Amino acid sequence: MTTYVISVPGTFTGDVGTDTRTRLARALSPADPHGTRMGSAEGLDVLSVNEDNTFTLRLTVESDTGPHAEQEARQLADSALRDAGLDEHSAPLGPAVITGIDSEVR
């Protein structure tokens, strides 16, 4: 198994308060990239939100292949968004992309 850091971009289509962002980050915490050398060294946050309401989810996924890692990250992102009270209309996601590969997890 290889540890991948996957980025999933998206856009909040309406106002998303601090409470919702906190719930989303909490739902994603098991996949936080800070547990990898790359995520720790580069200070990758699990959720980054820009002023224009676009956001990036950075997730750590263990998988045998890149495509499976991207698919799993997308599923994690969808599930976390639902847990935070968001759906594909209020927070549509773009394609998942491999940001890095980290074979040494702390």
N, C-alpha and C. Protein backbone atom coordinates (compact mmCIF):
# COMPACT_ATOMS: atom_id res chain seq x y z
N MET A 1 0.84 -1.19 0.00
CA MET A 1 0.00 0.00 0.00
C MET A 1 0.88 1.24 0.00
N THR A 2 0.39 2.24 -0.68
CA THR A 2 1.08 3.52 -0.76
C THR A 2 0.18 4.59 -0.15
N THR A 3 0.79 5.55 0.49
CA THR A 3 0.04 6.67 1.06
C THR A 3 0.07 7.82 0.06
N TYR A 4 -1.09 8.25 -0.35
CA TYR A 4 -1.25 9.35 -1.30
C TYR A 4 -1.83 10.56 -0.58
N VAL A 5 -1.39 11.73 -0.98
CA VAL A 5 -2.05 12.96 -0.56
C VAL A 5 -2.84 13.43 -1.78
N ILE A 6 -4.14 13.51 -1.62
CA ILE A 6 -5.06 13.83 -2.72
C ILE A 6 -5.70 15.19 -2.45
N SER A 7 -5.75 16.03 -3.47
CA SER A 7 -6.45 17.32 -3.38
C SER A 7 -7.76 17.23 -4.13
N VAL A 8 -8.82 17.70 -3.48
CA VAL A 8 -10.15 17.74 -4.08
C VAL A 8 -10.64 19.18 -4.00
N PRO A 9 -10.74 19.87 -5.15
CA PRO A 9 -11.22 21.25 -5.14
C PRO A 9 -12.74 21.31 -5.13
N GLY A 10 -13.26 22.43 -4.69
CA GLY A 10 -14.71 22.62 -4.70
C GLY A 10 -15.05 24.09 -4.53
N THR A 11 -16.36 24.35 -4.53
CA THR A 11 -16.86 25.72 -4.37
C THR A 11 -18.08 25.69 -3.47
N PHE A 12 -18.08 26.55 -2.46
CA PHE A 12 -19.29 26.75 -1.66
C PHE A 12 -20.16 27.71 -2.45
N THR A 13 -21.38 27.29 -2.77
CA THR A 13 -22.25 28.13 -3.59
C THR A 13 -23.02 29.16 -2.77
N GLY A 14 -22.99 29.03 -1.46
CA GLY A 14 -23.63 30.00 -0.58
C GLY A 14 -22.72 30.29 0.60
N ASP A 15 -23.25 31.04 1.54
CA ASP A 15 -22.47 31.34 2.74
C ASP A 15 -22.33 30.09 3.60
N VAL A 16 -21.10 29.80 3.97
CA VAL A 16 -20.82 28.66 4.85
C VAL A 16 -20.14 29.21 6.09
N GLY A 17 -20.81 29.09 7.20
CA GLY A 17 -20.30 29.66 8.44
C GLY A 17 -19.17 28.86 9.05
N THR A 18 -18.61 29.44 10.09
CA THR A 18 -17.49 28.82 10.80
C THR A 18 -17.89 27.47 11.38
N ASP A 19 -19.12 27.36 11.88
CA ASP A 19 -19.61 26.09 12.44
C ASP A 19 -19.55 24.97 11.40
N THR A 20 -20.04 25.26 10.21
CA THR A 20 -20.05 24.25 9.14
C THR A 20 -18.63 23.88 8.73
N ARG A 21 -17.77 24.87 8.63
CA ARG A 21 -16.36 24.59 8.27
C ARG A 21 -15.70 23.73 9.34
N THR A 22 -16.00 24.00 10.60
CA THR A 22 -15.44 23.22 11.70
C THR A 22 -15.93 21.78 11.63
N ARG A 23 -17.24 21.60 11.38
CA ARG A 23 -17.79 20.24 11.26
C ARG A 23 -17.16 19.51 10.09
N LEU A 24 -16.94 20.21 8.98
CA LEU A 24 -16.32 19.59 7.81
C LEU A 24 -14.88 19.17 8.11
N ALA A 25 -14.11 20.06 8.71
CA ALA A 25 -12.73 19.74 9.06
C ALA A 25 -12.67 18.57 10.04
N ARG A 26 -13.59 18.55 10.99
CA ARG A 26 -13.64 17.45 11.96
C ARG A 26 -13.97 16.13 11.27
N ALA A 27 -14.90 16.15 10.33
CA ALA A 27 -15.26 14.93 9.60
C ALA A 27 -14.10 14.41 8.75
N LEU A 28 -13.23 15.32 8.33
CA LEU A 28 -12.09 14.93 7.50
C LEU A 28 -10.84 14.62 8.31
N SER A 29 -10.87 14.83 9.62
CA SER A 29 -9.66 14.70 10.44
C SER A 29 -8.97 13.33 10.33
N PRO A 30 -9.67 12.21 10.16
CA PRO A 30 -8.94 10.95 10.01
C PRO A 30 -8.05 10.91 8.75
N ALA A 31 -8.34 11.75 7.79
CA ALA A 31 -7.56 11.77 6.54
C ALA A 31 -6.64 12.99 6.47
N ASP A 32 -6.38 13.64 7.62
CA ASP A 32 -5.55 14.84 7.67
C ASP A 32 -4.14 14.55 7.15
N PRO A 33 -3.64 15.35 6.20
CA PRO A 33 -2.31 15.10 5.63
C PRO A 33 -1.15 15.42 6.56
N HIS A 34 -1.42 16.04 7.72
CA HIS A 34 -0.32 16.35 8.65
C HIS A 34 0.36 15.09 9.18
N GLY A 35 -0.28 13.92 9.02
CA GLY A 35 0.31 12.66 9.44
C GLY A 35 1.36 12.12 8.49
N THR A 36 1.58 12.82 7.38
CA THR A 36 2.59 12.40 6.41
C THR A 36 3.76 13.37 6.45
N ARG A 37 4.92 12.93 5.98
CA ARG A 37 6.08 13.83 5.91
C ARG A 37 5.76 15.03 5.05
N MET A 38 5.17 14.80 3.88
CA MET A 38 4.86 15.89 2.95
C MET A 38 3.87 16.87 3.57
N GLY A 39 2.79 16.35 4.14
CA GLY A 39 1.77 17.20 4.71
C GLY A 39 2.29 18.03 5.87
N SER A 40 3.14 17.43 6.68
CA SER A 40 3.71 18.14 7.81
C SER A 40 4.72 19.18 7.35
N ALA A 41 5.61 18.78 6.45
CA ALA A 41 6.66 19.69 5.97
C ALA A 41 6.09 20.89 5.22
N GLU A 42 5.02 20.67 4.47
CA GLU A 42 4.45 21.74 3.66
C GLU A 42 3.26 22.42 4.33
N GLY A 43 2.91 21.98 5.53
CA GLY A 43 1.81 22.62 6.26
C GLY A 43 0.48 22.50 5.56
N LEU A 44 0.21 21.33 4.98
CA LEU A 44 -1.04 21.13 4.25
C LEU A 44 -2.21 20.96 5.22
N ASP A 45 -3.17 21.84 5.12
CA ASP A 45 -4.37 21.74 5.93
C ASP A 45 -5.40 20.87 5.22
N VAL A 46 -6.20 20.18 6.00
CA VAL A 46 -7.22 19.31 5.42
C VAL A 46 -8.28 20.14 4.68
N LEU A 47 -8.50 21.38 5.11
CA LEU A 47 -9.47 22.28 4.46
C LEU A 47 -8.87 23.67 4.33
N SER A 48 -8.81 24.16 3.11
CA SER A 48 -8.38 25.54 2.84
C SER A 48 -9.50 26.22 2.07
N VAL A 49 -9.92 27.39 2.55
CA VAL A 49 -11.00 28.14 1.91
C VAL A 49 -10.46 29.49 1.45
N ASN A 50 -10.75 29.83 0.20
CA ASN A 50 -10.33 31.11 -0.37
C ASN A 50 -11.43 32.15 -0.22
N GLU A 51 -11.09 33.41 -0.42
CA GLU A 51 -12.05 34.51 -0.28
C GLU A 51 -13.23 34.40 -1.24
N ASP A 52 -13.03 33.74 -2.39
CA ASP A 52 -14.10 33.62 -3.38
C ASP A 52 -14.97 32.37 -3.16
N ASN A 53 -14.86 31.75 -1.98
CA ASN A 53 -15.62 30.56 -1.59
C ASN A 53 -15.19 29.29 -2.30
N THR A 54 -14.09 29.33 -3.04
CA THR A 54 -13.53 28.07 -3.53
C THR A 54 -12.74 27.46 -2.37
N PHE A 55 -12.62 26.15 -2.40
CA PHE A 55 -11.90 25.48 -1.33
C PHE A 55 -11.15 24.28 -1.87
N THR A 56 -10.22 23.80 -1.06
CA THR A 56 -9.48 22.59 -1.39
C THR A 56 -9.46 21.69 -0.17
N LEU A 57 -9.82 20.44 -0.38
CA LEU A 57 -9.70 19.42 0.64
C LEU A 57 -8.43 18.64 0.33
N ARG A 58 -7.56 18.48 1.30
CA ARG A 58 -6.33 17.69 1.11
C ARG A 58 -6.42 16.49 2.03
N LEU A 59 -6.46 15.31 1.43
CA LEU A 59 -6.73 14.09 2.17
C LEU A 59 -5.62 13.06 1.99
N THR A 60 -5.35 12.31 3.04
CA THR A 60 -4.40 11.21 2.99
C THR A 60 -5.19 9.93 2.79
N VAL A 61 -4.78 9.16 1.78
CA VAL A 61 -5.47 7.92 1.46
C VAL A 61 -4.42 6.82 1.24
N GLU A 62 -4.66 5.66 1.80
CA GLU A 62 -3.81 4.49 1.56
C GLU A 62 -4.48 3.68 0.45
N SER A 63 -3.71 3.36 -0.58
CA SER A 63 -4.27 2.62 -1.70
C SER A 63 -3.18 1.92 -2.47
N ASP A 64 -3.59 0.94 -3.28
CA ASP A 64 -2.64 0.23 -4.14
C ASP A 64 -2.33 1.00 -5.41
N THR A 65 -3.27 1.84 -5.86
CA THR A 65 -3.07 2.57 -7.11
C THR A 65 -3.55 4.01 -6.98
N GLY A 66 -3.01 4.87 -7.82
CA GLY A 66 -3.42 6.27 -7.85
C GLY A 66 -4.90 6.46 -8.14
N PRO A 67 -5.43 5.79 -9.19
CA PRO A 67 -6.85 5.97 -9.48
C PRO A 67 -7.76 5.54 -8.32
N HIS A 68 -7.39 4.45 -7.64
CA HIS A 68 -8.20 4.03 -6.49
C HIS A 68 -8.09 5.05 -5.36
N ALA A 69 -6.92 5.64 -5.18
CA ALA A 69 -6.74 6.67 -4.15
C ALA A 69 -7.60 7.88 -4.45
N GLU A 70 -7.63 8.30 -5.70
CA GLU A 70 -8.46 9.45 -6.09
C GLU A 70 -9.94 9.15 -5.85
N GLN A 71 -10.36 7.94 -6.19
CA GLN A 71 -11.76 7.54 -6.00
C GLN A 71 -12.12 7.52 -4.51
N GLU A 72 -11.23 6.96 -3.70
CA GLU A 72 -11.49 6.91 -2.26
C GLU A 72 -11.53 8.31 -1.64
N ALA A 73 -10.63 9.19 -2.08
CA ALA A 73 -10.62 10.56 -1.58
C ALA A 73 -11.92 11.27 -1.93
N ARG A 74 -12.40 11.05 -3.12
CA ARG A 74 -13.66 11.66 -3.54
C ARG A 74 -14.82 11.17 -2.67
N GLN A 75 -14.82 9.88 -2.36
CA GLN A 75 -15.86 9.32 -1.49
C GLN A 75 -15.76 9.89 -0.08
N LEU A 76 -14.53 10.02 0.44
CA LEU A 76 -14.34 10.63 1.76
C LEU A 76 -14.84 12.07 1.77
N ALA A 77 -14.52 12.81 0.73
CA ALA A 77 -14.95 14.21 0.64
C ALA A 77 -16.47 14.31 0.60
N ASP A 78 -17.11 13.49 -0.24
CA ASP A 78 -18.58 13.50 -0.34
C ASP A 78 -19.21 13.19 1.01
N SER A 79 -18.70 12.18 1.69
CA SER A 79 -19.24 11.78 2.99
C SER A 79 -19.07 12.89 4.03
N ALA A 80 -17.90 13.51 4.07
CA ALA A 80 -17.63 14.59 5.03
C ALA A 80 -18.53 15.79 4.77
N LEU A 81 -18.73 16.11 3.51
CA LEU A 81 -19.62 17.23 3.16
C LEU A 81 -21.04 16.95 3.66
N ARG A 82 -21.52 15.74 3.45
CA ARG A 82 -22.87 15.37 3.93
C ARG A 82 -22.93 15.46 5.45
N ASP A 83 -21.86 14.97 6.13
CA ASP A 83 -21.83 15.04 7.60
C ASP A 83 -21.87 16.49 8.10
N ALA A 84 -21.34 17.41 7.30
CA ALA A 84 -21.34 18.83 7.68
C ALA A 84 -22.61 19.55 7.24
N GLY A 85 -23.55 18.81 6.63
CA GLY A 85 -24.82 19.40 6.21
C GLY A 85 -24.78 20.01 4.82
N LEU A 86 -23.78 19.66 4.02
CA LEU A 86 -23.65 20.18 2.66
C LEU A 86 -23.91 19.05 1.67
N ASP A 87 -24.26 19.42 0.44
CA ASP A 87 -24.46 18.42 -0.60
C ASP A 87 -23.80 18.87 -1.89
N GLU A 88 -24.03 18.12 -2.97
CA GLU A 88 -23.37 18.42 -4.25
C GLU A 88 -23.83 19.74 -4.86
N HIS A 89 -24.95 20.30 -4.37
CA HIS A 89 -25.42 21.59 -4.87
C HIS A 89 -24.84 22.76 -4.08
N SER A 90 -24.68 22.57 -2.78
CA SER A 90 -24.15 23.65 -1.94
C SER A 90 -22.62 23.66 -1.89
N ALA A 91 -22.01 22.53 -2.31
CA ALA A 91 -20.54 22.45 -2.33
C ALA A 91 -20.09 21.47 -3.41
N PRO A 92 -20.29 21.85 -4.69
CA PRO A 92 -19.87 20.94 -5.77
C PRO A 92 -18.35 20.76 -5.77
N LEU A 93 -17.93 19.53 -6.08
CA LEU A 93 -16.52 19.20 -6.08
C LEU A 93 -15.99 19.06 -7.50
N GLY A 94 -14.71 19.37 -7.66
CA GLY A 94 -14.02 19.14 -8.92
C GLY A 94 -13.34 17.78 -8.86
N PRO A 95 -12.52 17.49 -9.86
CA PRO A 95 -11.85 16.18 -9.89
C PRO A 95 -10.77 16.07 -8.82
N ALA A 96 -10.66 14.88 -8.24
CA ALA A 96 -9.60 14.59 -7.27
C ALA A 96 -8.29 14.43 -8.02
N VAL A 97 -7.21 14.96 -7.43
CA VAL A 97 -5.90 14.93 -8.08
C VAL A 97 -4.84 14.51 -7.06
N ILE A 98 -3.92 13.65 -7.46
CA ILE A 98 -2.82 13.27 -6.58
C ILE A 98 -1.89 14.46 -6.41
N THR A 99 -1.73 14.91 -5.18
CA THR A 99 -0.85 16.03 -4.85
C THR A 99 0.55 15.52 -4.52
N GLY A 100 0.61 14.34 -3.92
CA GLY A 100 1.90 13.78 -3.54
C GLY A 100 1.77 12.33 -3.13
N ILE A 101 2.91 11.67 -3.09
CA ILE A 101 2.98 10.28 -2.64
C ILE A 101 3.97 10.25 -1.49
N ASP A 102 3.55 9.65 -0.40
CA ASP A 102 4.38 9.62 0.81
C ASP A 102 4.40 8.19 1.34
N SER A 103 5.55 7.55 1.26
CA SER A 103 5.63 6.17 1.70
C SER A 103 5.99 6.04 3.18
N GLU A 104 6.35 7.14 3.82
CA GLU A 104 6.70 7.10 5.24
C GLU A 104 5.70 7.92 6.04
N VAL A 105 4.84 7.24 6.76
CA VAL A 105 3.85 7.89 7.60
C VAL A 105 4.40 7.93 9.01
N ARG A 106 4.19 9.05 9.68
CA ARG A 106 4.66 9.17 11.07
C ARG A 106 3.80 8.40 12.01
